Amino acid sequence: MAIIVAVANQKGGSGKTTTCVNLAGGLAEAGYRVLLVDADPQASALGWRRNGGEENLLGFDLVALPNNTLHKDLPSLASRADYEVILIDCPPGGAQRSRSDDITRSAMLAAHAVLIPVQPSPLDYQSAASMLPLLQDTALYKPSLKIWLLINRRLAGNNRLARDARDSAKAFFATDGLEMKILESEIGARSALAESPALGQTILRYASGTVAAYEFRKLTEEIIHCLATQNHAAS
């Protein structure tokens, strides 16, 4: 049965869709059968694929399901299909008890792991930390839920924010009852990542030899290791 990973952050502009699409492309490139679920009512991932025209240039399947019943729908879908990994692109947050938050909550209940891309700045950490109550509530029902945090859109150079990104993230997201892993992989702010969606391609196809593609391949390798650990624990 497929391992389900929700890519979530209630802060808009954190790079959820970019992370989700390019990670799906990396997993497909590595030989995994991948389904990406666009659960965002804005349908950014779906628009990304449409930009490629009739040909699917992404290399994996994609379906739009912006529903708050994902925890019921996806396990059934996974049992009927031969996907090995299902990634969920969650929507940004809204007002309390908004439809978007209900969708994210449902995605987390469906998931084996939650991947949180976050930009390395105190304001972004504070905004992303608003997810902690939601994660805690979900963990009550799914104590085996894994939480992975990805430093995303890191600025180039030896600046203080870049140097302290991991330590700052650990401090902001340290919460009793939640075991959170700060991924070793980090994704930089690269112009090619902003260009590839217009052509309906992942960074691995659009600019395969760039640093951006290298970083997503390294992230893919780390996620594969995490998935293998998850599979072993579930068996």
C-alpha atoms as a PDB file:
ATOM      1  CA  MET A   1       0.000   0.000   0.000  1.00  0.00           C
ATOM      2  CA  ALA A   2       1.159   3.513  -0.785  1.00  0.00           C
ATOM      3  CA  ILE A   3       2.775   5.730   1.817  1.00  0.00           C
ATOM      4  CA  ILE A   4       0.913   9.039   2.007  1.00  0.00           C
ATOM      5  CA  VAL A   5       2.779  12.290   2.668  1.00  0.00           C
ATOM      6  CA  ALA A   6       0.952  15.582   3.254  1.00  0.00           C
ATOM      7  CA  VAL A   7       2.954  18.655   2.218  1.00  0.00           C
ATOM      8  CA  ALA A   8       1.530  21.375   4.444  1.00  0.00           C
ATOM      9  CA  ASN A   9       2.102  24.820   5.853  1.00  0.00           C
ATOM     10  CA  GLN A  10      -0.722  27.160   6.763  1.00  0.00           C
ATOM     11  CA  LYS A  11       1.390  30.135   5.691  1.00  0.00           C
ATOM     12  CA  GLY A  12       0.900  31.034   2.045  1.00  0.00           C
ATOM     13  CA  GLY A  13       3.996  31.429  -0.113  1.00  0.00           C
ATOM     14  CA  SER A  14       6.039  28.831   1.749  1.00  0.00           C
ATOM     15  CA  GLY A  15       6.695  26.817  -1.418  1.00  0.00           C
ATOM     16  CA  LYS A  16       4.356  23.887  -0.808  1.00  0.00           C
ATOM     17  CA  THR A  17       3.409  23.353  -4.443  1.00  0.00           C
ATOM     18  CA  THR A  18       6.985  23.809  -5.707  1.00  0.00           C
ATOM     19  CA  THR A  19       8.195  21.306  -3.122  1.00  0.00           C
ATOM     20  CA  CYS A  20       5.388  18.866  -3.816  1.00  0.00           C
ATOM     21  CA  VAL A  21       5.659  18.866  -7.617  1.00  0.00           C
ATOM     22  CA  ASN A  22       9.450  18.644  -7.742  1.00  0.00           C
ATOM     23  CA  LEU A  23       9.619  15.984  -5.027  1.00  0.00           C
ATOM     24  CA  ALA A  24       7.029  13.963  -6.934  1.00  0.00           C
ATOM     25  CA  GLY A  25       9.196  14.357 -10.029  1.00  0.00           C
ATOM     26  CA  GLY A  26      12.266  13.234  -8.101  1.00  0.00           C
ATOM     27  CA  LEU A  27      10.509  10.145  -6.768  1.00  0.00           C
ATOM     28  CA  ALA A  28       9.207   9.302 -10.254  1.00  0.00           C
ATOM     29  CA  GLU A  29      12.714   9.745 -11.673  1.00  0.00           C
ATOM     30  CA  ALA A  30      13.948   7.310  -9.008  1.00  0.00           C
ATOM     31  CA  GLY A  31      11.451   4.701 -10.236  1.00  0.00           C
ATOM     32  CA  TYR A  32       8.559   5.141  -7.800  1.00  0.00           C
ATOM     33  CA  ARG A  33       4.928   5.088  -8.914  1.00  0.00           C
ATOM     34  CA  VAL A  34       3.696   8.453  -7.675  1.00  0.00           C
ATOM     35  CA  LEU A  35       0.338  10.184  -7.396  1.00  0.00           C
ATOM     36  CA  LEU A  36       0.154  13.868  -6.507  1.00  0.00           C
ATOM     37  CA  VAL A  37      -3.161  14.980  -5.000  1.00  0.00           C
ATOM     38  CA  ASP A  38      -3.866  18.682  -5.503  1.00  0.00           C
ATOM     39  CA  ALA A  39      -5.948  19.424  -2.412  1.00  0.00           C
ATOM     40  CA  ASP A  40      -5.653  23.204  -2.732  1.00  0.00           C
ATOM     41  CA  PRO A  41      -8.858  24.884  -4.035  1.00  0.00           C
ATOM     42  CA  GLN A  42      -6.553  27.266  -5.946  1.00  0.00           C
ATOM     43  CA  ALA A  43      -5.395  24.203  -7.955  1.00  0.00           C
ATOM     44  CA  SER A  44      -1.806  25.427  -8.413  1.00  0.00           C
ATOM     45  CA  ALA A  45      -0.389  21.966  -9.116  1.00  0.00           C
ATOM     46  CA  LEU A  46      -3.149  21.270 -11.627  1.00  0.00           C
ATOM     47  CA  GLY A  47      -2.394  24.566 -13.371  1.00  0.00           C
ATOM     48  CA  TRP A  48       1.304  23.608 -13.437  1.00  0.00           C
ATOM     49  CA  ARG A  49       0.474  20.411 -15.338  1.00  0.00           C
ATOM     50  CA  ARG A  50      -1.884  22.210 -17.727  1.00  0.00           C
ATOM     51  CA  ASN A  51       0.936  24.543 -18.715  1.00  0.00           C
ATOM     52  CA  GLY A  52       2.615  21.543 -20.317  1.00  0.00           C
ATOM     53  CA  GLY A  53      -0.220  21.087 -22.804  1.00  0.00           C
ATOM     54  CA  GLU A  54      -1.677  17.715 -23.698  1.00  0.00           C
ATOM     55  CA  GLU A  55       1.550  15.854 -22.935  1.00  0.00           C
ATOM     56  CA  ASN A  56       2.189  15.078 -19.260  1.00  0.00           C
ATOM     57  CA  LEU A  57       5.682  16.507 -18.802  1.00  0.00           C
ATOM     58  CA  LEU A  58       5.747  15.894 -15.055  1.00  0.00           C
ATOM     59  CA  GLY A  59       6.282  12.126 -15.127  1.00  0.00           C
ATOM     60  CA  PHE A  60       3.678  11.208 -12.514  1.00  0.00           C
ATOM     61  CA  ASP A  61      -0.104  11.161 -12.095  1.00  0.00           C
ATOM     62  CA  LEU A  62      -2.001  14.118 -10.671  1.00  0.00           C
ATOM     63  CA  VAL A  63      -5.592  14.446  -9.486  1.00  0.00           C
ATOM     64  CA  ALA A  64      -7.479  17.392  -7.954  1.00  0.00           C
ATOM     65  CA  LEU A  65      -9.259  16.516  -4.686  1.00  0.00           C
ATOM     66  CA  PRO A  66      -9.778  19.705  -2.648  1.00  0.00           C
ATOM     67  CA  ASN A  67     -11.981  17.837  -0.174  1.00  0.00           C
ATOM     68  CA  ASN A  68     -12.178  17.585   3.609  1.00  0.00           C
ATOM     69  CA  THR A  69     -12.811  13.834   3.263  1.00  0.00           C
ATOM     70  CA  LEU A  70      -9.293  12.884   2.171  1.00  0.00           C
ATOM     71  CA  HIS A  71      -8.839  10.707   5.268  1.00  0.00           C
ATOM     72  CA  LYS A  72     -11.697   8.583   3.961  1.00  0.00           C
ATOM     73  CA  ASP A  73     -11.018   8.824   0.222  1.00  0.00           C
ATOM     74  CA  LEU A  74      -7.249   8.286  -0.039  1.00  0.00           C
ATOM     75  CA  PRO A  75      -6.850   5.002   1.890  1.00  0.00           C
ATOM     76  CA  SER A  76      -9.510   3.512  -0.348  1.00  0.00           C
ATOM     77  CA  LEU A  77      -7.816   4.909  -3.462  1.00  0.00           C
ATOM     78  CA  ALA A  78      -4.425   3.631  -2.307  1.00  0.00           C
ATOM     79  CA  SER A  79      -5.796   0.130  -1.746  1.00  0.00           C
ATOM     80  CA  ARG A  80      -7.155  -0.023  -5.302  1.00  0.00           C
ATOM     81  CA  ALA A  81      -4.151   1.447  -7.116  1.00  0.00           C
ATOM     82  CA  ASP A  82      -0.501   0.451  -7.444  1.00  0.00           C
ATOM     83  CA  TYR A  83       0.979   3.769  -6.333  1.00  0.00           C
ATOM     84  CA  GLU A  84       3.921   3.534  -3.978  1.00  0.00           C
ATOM     85  CA  VAL A  85       3.823   7.157  -2.807  1.00  0.00           C
ATOM     86  CA  ILE A  86       0.945   9.628  -2.659  1.00  0.00           C
ATOM     87  CA  LEU A  87       1.834  13.287  -2.046  1.00  0.00           C
ATOM     88  CA  ILE A  88      -0.866  15.767  -0.991  1.00  0.00           C
ATOM     89  CA  ASP A  89      -0.416  19.440  -1.828  1.00  0.00           C
ATOM     90  CA  CYS A  90      -2.365  21.079   1.014  1.00  0.00           C
ATOM     91  CA  PRO A  91      -3.894  24.577   0.890  1.00  0.00           C
ATOM     92  CA  PRO A  92      -2.670  27.557   2.910  1.00  0.00           C
ATOM     93  CA  GLY A  93      -4.583  28.333   6.080  1.00  0.00           C
ATOM     94  CA  GLY A  94      -7.481  30.711   6.470  1.00  0.00           C
ATOM     95  CA  ALA A  95      -9.719  31.938   9.218  1.00  0.00           C
ATOM     96  CA  GLN A  96     -10.302  29.632  12.169  1.00  0.00           C
ATOM     97  CA  ARG A  97     -12.203  26.510  11.130  1.00  0.00           C
ATOM     98  CA  SER A  98     -11.950  27.525   7.472  1.00  0.00           C
ATOM     99  CA  ARG A  99     -12.482  25.057   4.647  1.00  0.00           C
ATOM    100  CA  SER A 100      -8.740  25.128   3.919  1.00  0.00           C
ATOM    101  CA  ASP A 101      -7.884  24.128   7.480  1.00  0.00           C
ATOM    102  CA  ASP A 102     -10.448  21.328   7.354  1.00  0.00           C
ATOM    103  CA  ILE A 103      -8.817  20.044   4.158  1.00  0.00           C
ATOM    104  CA  THR A 104      -5.357  20.149   5.753  1.00  0.00           C
ATOM    105  CA  ARG A 105      -6.636  18.388   8.858  1.00  0.00           C
ATOM    106  CA  SER A 106      -8.169  15.659   6.694  1.00  0.00           C
ATOM    107  CA  ALA A 107      -4.935  15.317   4.688  1.00  0.00           C
ATOM    108  CA  MET A 108      -2.924  14.870   7.882  1.00  0.00           C
ATOM    109  CA  LEU A 109      -5.334  12.224   9.128  1.00  0.00           C
ATOM    110  CA  ALA A 110      -4.841  10.373   5.836  1.00  0.00           C
ATOM    111  CA  ALA A 111      -1.054  10.727   5.900  1.00  0.00           C
ATOM    112  CA  HIS A 112       1.745   8.639   7.340  1.00  0.00           C
ATOM    113  CA  ALA A 113       3.985  11.723   7.370  1.00  0.00           C
ATOM    114  CA  VAL A 114       3.712  15.497   7.112  1.00  0.00           C
ATOM    115  CA  LEU A 115       6.381  17.482   5.248  1.00  0.00           C
ATOM    116  CA  ILE A 116       6.484  21.171   6.201  1.00  0.00           C
ATOM    117  CA  PRO A 117       8.464  23.487   3.892  1.00  0.00           C
ATOM    118  CA  VAL A 118       9.375  26.699   5.703  1.00  0.00           C
ATOM    119  CA  GLN A 119      11.460  29.703   4.754  1.00  0.00           C
ATOM    120  CA  PRO A 120      14.362  30.457   7.148  1.00  0.00           C
ATOM    121  CA  SER A 121      13.212  33.645   8.807  1.00  0.00           C
ATOM    122  CA  PRO A 122      11.743  34.290  12.268  1.00  0.00           C
ATOM    123  CA  LEU A 123       8.459  35.595  10.833  1.00  0.00           C
ATOM    124  CA  ASP A 124       8.056  32.539   8.633  1.00  0.00           C
ATOM    125  CA  TYR A 125       8.870  30.246  11.540  1.00  0.00           C
ATOM    126  CA  GLN A 126       6.285  31.997  13.700  1.00  0.00           C
ATOM    127  CA  SER A 127       3.636  31.696  10.993  1.00  0.00           C
ATOM    128  CA  ALA A 128       4.423  28.041  10.324  1.00  0.00           C
ATOM    129  CA  ALA A 129       4.366  27.305  14.051  1.00  0.00           C
ATOM    130  CA  SER A 130       0.641  28.101  13.980  1.00  0.00           C
ATOM    131  CA  MET A 131       0.309  24.550  12.614  1.00  0.00           C
ATOM    132  CA  LEU A 132       1.466  23.017  15.886  1.00  0.00           C
ATOM    133  CA  PRO A 133      -1.988  22.779  17.522  1.00  0.00           C
ATOM    134  CA  LEU A 134      -3.325  21.115  14.383  1.00  0.00           C
ATOM    135  CA  LEU A 135      -0.397  18.692  14.361  1.00  0.00           C
ATOM    136  CA  GLN A 136      -0.896  17.922  18.041  1.00  0.00           C
ATOM    137  CA  ASP A 137      -4.591  17.208  17.504  1.00  0.00           C
ATOM    138  CA  THR A 138      -3.763  14.914  14.582  1.00  0.00           C
ATOM    139  CA  ALA A 139      -1.051  13.106  16.559  1.00  0.00           C
ATOM    140  CA  LEU A 140      -3.625  12.197  19.219  1.00  0.00           C
ATOM    141  CA  TYR A 141      -5.409  10.099  16.603  1.00  0.00           C
ATOM    142  CA  LYS A 142      -2.226   9.049  14.764  1.00  0.00           C
ATOM    143  CA  PRO A 143       0.634   8.765  17.273  1.00  0.00           C
ATOM    144  CA  SER A 144       2.809   7.176  14.577  1.00  0.00           C
ATOM    145  CA  LEU A 145       2.582  10.314  12.391  1.00  0.00           C
ATOM    146  CA  LYS A 146       6.015  11.488  11.250  1.00  0.00           C
ATOM    147  CA  ILE A 147       6.734  15.203  10.906  1.00  0.00           C
ATOM    148  CA  TRP A 148       9.540  16.388   8.641  1.00  0.00           C
ATOM    149  CA  LEU A 149      10.560  20.043   8.347  1.00  0.00           C
ATOM    150  CA  LEU A 150      12.310  21.314   5.208  1.00  0.00           C
ATOM    151  CA  ILE A 151      14.310  24.549   5.123  1.00  0.00           C
ATOM    152  CA  ASN A 152      13.048  26.019   1.850  1.00  0.00           C
ATOM    153  CA  ARG A 153      13.955  29.059  -0.269  1.00  0.00           C
ATOM    154  CA  ARG A 154      17.165  29.558   1.634  1.00  0.00           C
ATOM    155  CA  LEU A 155      19.075  32.624   0.466  1.00  0.00           C
ATOM    156  CA  ALA A 156      22.563  32.140  -0.951  1.00  0.00           C
ATOM    157  CA  GLY A 157      25.588  33.294   0.969  1.00  0.00           C
ATOM    158  CA  ASN A 158      27.014  32.976   4.423  1.00  0.00           C
ATOM    159  CA  ASN A 159      24.444  35.221   6.093  1.00  0.00           C
ATOM    160  CA  ARG A 160      23.283  34.757   9.662  1.00  0.00           C
ATOM    161  CA  LEU A 161      19.811  33.511   8.719  1.00  0.00           C
ATOM    162  CA  ALA A 162      21.349  30.838   6.504  1.00  0.00           C
ATOM    163  CA  ARG A 163      23.847  29.739   9.166  1.00  0.00           C
ATOM    164  CA  ASP A 164      21.316  29.606  11.982  1.00  0.00           C
ATOM    165  CA  ALA A 165      18.381  28.214   9.973  1.00  0.00           C
ATOM    166  CA  ARG A 166      18.385  24.720  11.453  1.00  0.00           C
ATOM    167  CA  ASP A 167      19.005  25.757  15.058  1.00  0.00           C
ATOM    168  CA  SER A 168      16.305  28.433  14.829  1.00  0.00           C
ATOM    169  CA  ALA A 169      13.844  25.948  13.361  1.00  0.00           C
ATOM    170  CA  LYS A 170      14.487  23.500  16.184  1.00  0.00           C
ATOM    171  CA  ALA A 171      13.826  26.233  18.736  1.00  0.00           C
ATOM    172  CA  PHE A 172      10.596  27.439  17.131  1.00  0.00           C
ATOM    173  CA  PHE A 173       9.126  23.973  16.583  1.00  0.00           C
ATOM    174  CA  ALA A 174      10.152  22.284  19.827  1.00  0.00           C
ATOM    175  CA  THR A 175       6.830  21.125  21.300  1.00  0.00           C
ATOM    176  CA  ASP A 176       5.980  18.463  23.823  1.00  0.00           C
ATOM    177  CA  GLY A 177       4.229  15.478  22.326  1.00  0.00           C
ATOM    178  CA  LEU A 178       5.526  15.996  18.786  1.00  0.00           C
ATOM    179  CA  GLU A 179       8.642  14.378  17.338  1.00  0.00           C
ATOM    180  CA  MET A 180       9.824  16.579  14.488  1.00  0.00           C
ATOM    181  CA  LYS A 181      12.761  15.816  12.200  1.00  0.00           C
ATOM    182  CA  ILE A 182      14.639  18.722  10.598  1.00  0.00           C
ATOM    183  CA  LEU A 183      15.695  17.343   7.223  1.00  0.00           C
ATOM    184  CA  GLU A 184      19.362  17.564   6.291  1.00  0.00           C
ATOM    185  CA  SER A 185      18.406  18.619   2.769  1.00  0.00           C
ATOM    186  CA  GLU A 186      17.761  22.303   2.110  1.00  0.00           C
ATOM    187  CA  ILE A 187      16.310  24.007  -0.961  1.00  0.00           C
ATOM    188  CA  GLY A 188      17.735  27.348  -2.068  1.00  0.00           C
ATOM    189  CA  ALA A 189      15.943  30.275  -3.675  1.00  0.00           C
ATOM    190  CA  ARG A 190      16.685  29.614  -7.369  1.00  0.00           C
ATOM    191  CA  SER A 191      15.304  31.444 -10.407  1.00  0.00           C
ATOM    192  CA  ALA A 192      14.903  28.177 -12.347  1.00  0.00           C
ATOM    193  CA  LEU A 193      12.377  26.982  -9.754  1.00  0.00           C
ATOM    194  CA  ALA A 194      10.218  30.008 -10.568  1.00  0.00           C
ATOM    195  CA  GLU A 195      10.540  29.453 -14.329  1.00  0.00           C
ATOM    196  CA  SER A 196       9.715  25.743 -14.661  1.00  0.00           C
ATOM    197  CA  PRO A 197       5.963  25.887 -13.769  1.00  0.00           C
ATOM    198  CA  ALA A 198       5.211  28.086 -16.801  1.00  0.00           C
ATOM    199  CA  LEU A 199       6.387  25.232 -19.040  1.00  0.00           C
ATOM    200  CA  GLY A 200       4.624  22.489 -17.085  1.00  0.00           C
ATOM    201  CA  GLN A 201       7.895  20.805 -16.131  1.00  0.00           C
ATOM    202  CA  THR A 202       9.644  19.808 -12.943  1.00  0.00           C
ATOM    203  CA  ILE A 203      13.030  21.345 -12.250  1.00  0.00           C
ATOM    204  CA  LEU A 204      14.544  17.921 -12.999  1.00  0.00           C
ATOM    205  CA  ARG A 205      13.392  18.156 -16.609  1.00  0.00           C
ATOM    206  CA  TYR A 206      13.561  21.898 -17.129  1.00  0.00           C
ATOM    207  CA  ALA A 207      17.088  22.406 -15.780  1.00  0.00           C
ATOM    208  CA  SER A 208      18.448  18.979 -14.968  1.00  0.00           C
ATOM    209  CA  GLY A 209      22.071  20.027 -14.491  1.00  0.00           C
ATOM    210  CA  THR A 210      21.474  22.995 -12.189  1.00  0.00           C
ATOM    211  CA  VAL A 211      22.038  23.370  -8.460  1.00  0.00           C
ATOM    212  CA  ALA A 212      18.251  23.522  -8.014  1.00  0.00           C
ATOM    213  CA  ALA A 213      17.842  20.092  -9.604  1.00  0.00           C
ATOM    214  CA  TYR A 214      20.727  18.736  -7.526  1.00  0.00           C
ATOM    215  CA  GLU A 215      19.086  19.974  -4.323  1.00  0.00           C
ATOM    216  CA  PHE A 216      15.791  18.306  -5.178  1.00  0.00           C
ATOM    217  CA  ARG A 217      17.557  15.059  -6.017  1.00  0.00           C
ATOM    218  CA  LYS A 218      19.275  15.200  -2.620  1.00  0.00           C
ATOM    219  CA  LEU A 219      15.896  15.867  -0.979  1.00  0.00           C
ATOM    220  CA  THR A 220      14.442  12.917  -2.902  1.00  0.00           C
ATOM    221  CA  GLU A 221      17.205  10.630  -1.629  1.00  0.00           C
ATOM    222  CA  GLU A 222      16.547  11.704   1.954  1.00  0.00           C
ATOM    223  CA  ILE A 223      12.786  11.252   1.606  1.00  0.00           C
ATOM    224  CA  ILE A 224      13.320   7.788   0.105  1.00  0.00           C
ATOM    225  CA  HIS A 225      15.351   6.894   3.185  1.00  0.00           C
ATOM    226  CA  CYS A 226      12.578   8.257   5.423  1.00  0.00           C
ATOM    227  CA  LEU A 227       9.960   6.316   3.444  1.00  0.00           C
ATOM    228  CA  ALA A 228      11.955   3.112   3.800  1.00  0.00           C
ATOM    229  CA  THR A 229      12.106   3.661   7.550  1.00  0.00           C
ATOM    230  CA  GLN A 230       8.348   4.318   7.581  1.00  0.00           C
ATOM    231  CA  ASN A 231       7.669   1.166   5.568  1.00  0.00           C
ATOM    232  CA  HIS A 232       9.812  -0.921   7.918  1.00  0.00           C
ATOM    233  CA  ALA A 233       7.971   0.444  10.960  1.00  0.00           C
ATOM    234  CA  ALA A 234       4.592  -0.285   9.378  1.00  0.00           C
ATOM    235  CA  SER A 235       5.489  -3.879   8.447  1.00  0.00           C
END
